[in-house]
Structure formats: structure tokens, C-alpha cells
Amino acid sequence: MKDSEFDDLLRSAEDKLPLPATFHTDVWKLIEATDAASKTVSPWPANVISILVRPWPAFSGLAAMVALGLWLGALGISGNPPNEMTYVRSISPFAQSHP
């Protein structure tokens, strides 16, 4: 259906239910009250997410996570890496002492 056909259909429709005189005013008051309430009361997760998706906080958070991952990874590395003989001694049944 084209816009002009839809407009004609809307114009040809008859008002079957009379609206109160203050209907339009009440509707706009409700819209304004809802809009004002939505601007003043905002849930904190939405605020945090809206801050984190901005470019600089997102980049800073990513850089901090990478730095934290590298630091935690470096903590797990011992000073002397095990050589082949250490591995062989650990699996050899003859090298282990039994109580």
C-alpha cells in the first residue's frame, strides 16, 4: 500500500469513540513525565557500559587487561626452565626412591 492510499484510508475512517477534551493534553503530560523519569533514573549497569564502550576507556581497559595477563603469566614462569634430564628423572621408575 502506498503512502497516499494509506493517508486516504485514514482520512476516510470515522471517529467511532469520542475522546475526552483533555485527551491530547494528558497524553503529552504522560510522555513528558516518562521522558523526565527516564533521564533522571538510570540503572548503574547501563551507565558503566556506556562509559566502557567509549574509545579511550575501552582502549585503557584493554591495555590494562593485556598488562595484567602478561604480569600474571610472568609470575608462573620459573627462573630455570626444566631440561630433558629433569623430565627423564621424573618419569623413570629406577630414579625414584620408594619408602
Protein backbone atom coordinates (compact mmCIF):
# COMPACT_ATOMS: atom_id res chain seq x y z
CA MET A 1 0.00 0.00 0.00
CA LYS A 2 1.38 3.39 -0.96
CA ASP A 3 1.54 6.31 1.45
CA SER A 4 -1.12 8.26 -0.39
CA GLU A 5 -3.51 5.29 -0.29
CA PHE A 6 -2.89 4.86 3.42
CA ASP A 7 -3.46 8.58 4.01
CA ASP A 8 -6.77 8.39 2.14
CA LEU A 9 -7.77 5.34 4.18
CA LEU A 10 -7.02 7.16 7.41
CA ARG A 11 -8.99 10.22 6.29
CA SER A 12 -11.98 8.09 5.36
CA ALA A 13 -12.10 6.38 8.77
CA GLU A 14 -14.75 7.72 11.06
CA ASP A 15 -14.29 8.53 14.73
CA LYS A 16 -16.44 5.96 16.48
CA LEU A 17 -15.44 6.77 20.05
CA PRO A 18 -15.45 10.34 21.27
CA LEU A 19 -12.29 11.32 23.11
CA PRO A 20 -12.34 13.42 26.26
CA ALA A 21 -11.46 17.06 25.81
CA THR A 22 -8.24 16.70 27.80
CA PHE A 23 -7.05 13.55 25.99
CA HIS A 24 -4.27 15.17 23.98
CA THR A 25 -3.04 17.21 26.93
CA ASP A 26 -2.98 14.15 29.18
CA VAL A 27 -1.08 12.12 26.59
CA TRP A 28 1.61 14.78 26.24
CA LYS A 29 1.89 15.15 30.01
CA LEU A 30 2.40 11.39 30.31
CA ILE A 31 5.05 11.44 27.59
CA GLU A 32 6.89 14.32 29.27
CA ALA A 33 6.73 12.64 32.70
CA THR A 34 8.04 9.36 31.29
CA ASP A 35 10.82 11.16 29.41
CA ALA A 36 11.84 13.12 32.52
CA ALA A 37 11.81 9.97 34.68
CA SER A 38 13.93 8.05 32.20
CA LYS A 39 16.53 10.83 32.15
CA THR A 40 16.79 11.12 35.94
CA VAL A 41 16.73 7.42 36.91
CA SER A 42 19.26 5.38 35.02
CA PRO A 43 20.41 1.94 36.12
CA TRP A 44 24.09 1.78 37.03
CA PRO A 45 25.00 -1.12 34.68
CA ALA A 46 23.85 0.94 31.71
CA ASN A 47 25.97 3.86 32.91
CA VAL A 48 29.05 1.66 33.32
CA ILE A 49 28.58 0.05 29.92
CA SER A 50 28.05 3.41 28.24
CA ILE A 51 31.34 4.63 29.73
CA LEU A 52 33.29 1.49 28.83
CA VAL A 53 32.28 1.47 25.17
CA ARG A 54 33.80 4.87 24.54
CA PRO A 55 37.14 4.69 22.71
CA TRP A 56 39.60 5.85 25.39
CA PRO A 57 38.15 3.91 28.34
CA ALA A 58 37.84 0.82 26.14
CA PHE A 59 41.45 1.13 24.99
CA SER A 60 42.66 1.75 28.55
CA GLY A 61 40.74 -1.28 29.82
CA LEU A 62 42.14 -3.46 27.05
CA ALA A 63 45.69 -2.27 27.74
CA ALA A 64 45.24 -2.92 31.47
CA MET A 65 43.96 -6.45 30.80
CA VAL A 66 46.89 -7.22 28.48
CA ALA A 67 49.37 -5.87 31.04
CA LEU A 68 47.72 -7.88 33.82
CA GLY A 69 47.82 -11.04 31.69
CA LEU A 70 51.49 -10.58 30.88
CA TRP A 71 52.33 -9.95 34.54
CA LEU A 72 50.38 -13.00 35.75
CA GLY A 73 51.95 -15.09 33.00
CA ALA A 74 55.41 -13.97 34.03
CA LEU A 75 54.72 -14.99 37.64
CA GLY A 76 54.15 -18.58 36.54
CA ILE A 77 57.50 -18.91 34.78
CA SER A 78 60.28 -20.24 36.98
CA GLY A 79 63.84 -18.97 36.70
CA ASN A 80 65.35 -22.25 35.47
CA PRO A 81 63.43 -23.97 32.73
CA PRO A 82 63.45 -27.78 33.13
CA ASN A 83 65.75 -29.63 30.79
CA GLU A 84 65.32 -33.07 29.25
CA MET A 85 67.10 -34.91 32.07
CA THR A 86 64.73 -33.47 34.65
CA TYR A 87 61.84 -34.88 32.66
CA VAL A 88 63.55 -38.28 32.28
CA ARG A 89 64.27 -38.47 36.03
CA SER A 90 60.65 -37.61 36.81
CA ILE A 91 59.24 -40.50 34.75
CA SER A 92 61.99 -43.08 35.28
CA PRO A 93 60.90 -45.88 37.62
CA PHE A 94 64.57 -46.53 38.56
CA ALA A 95 65.36 -42.93 39.58
CA GLN A 96 62.54 -42.69 42.11
CA SER A 97 63.12 -43.73 45.67
CA HIS A 98 60.47 -45.91 47.27
CA PRO A 99 59.87 -45.85 51.02
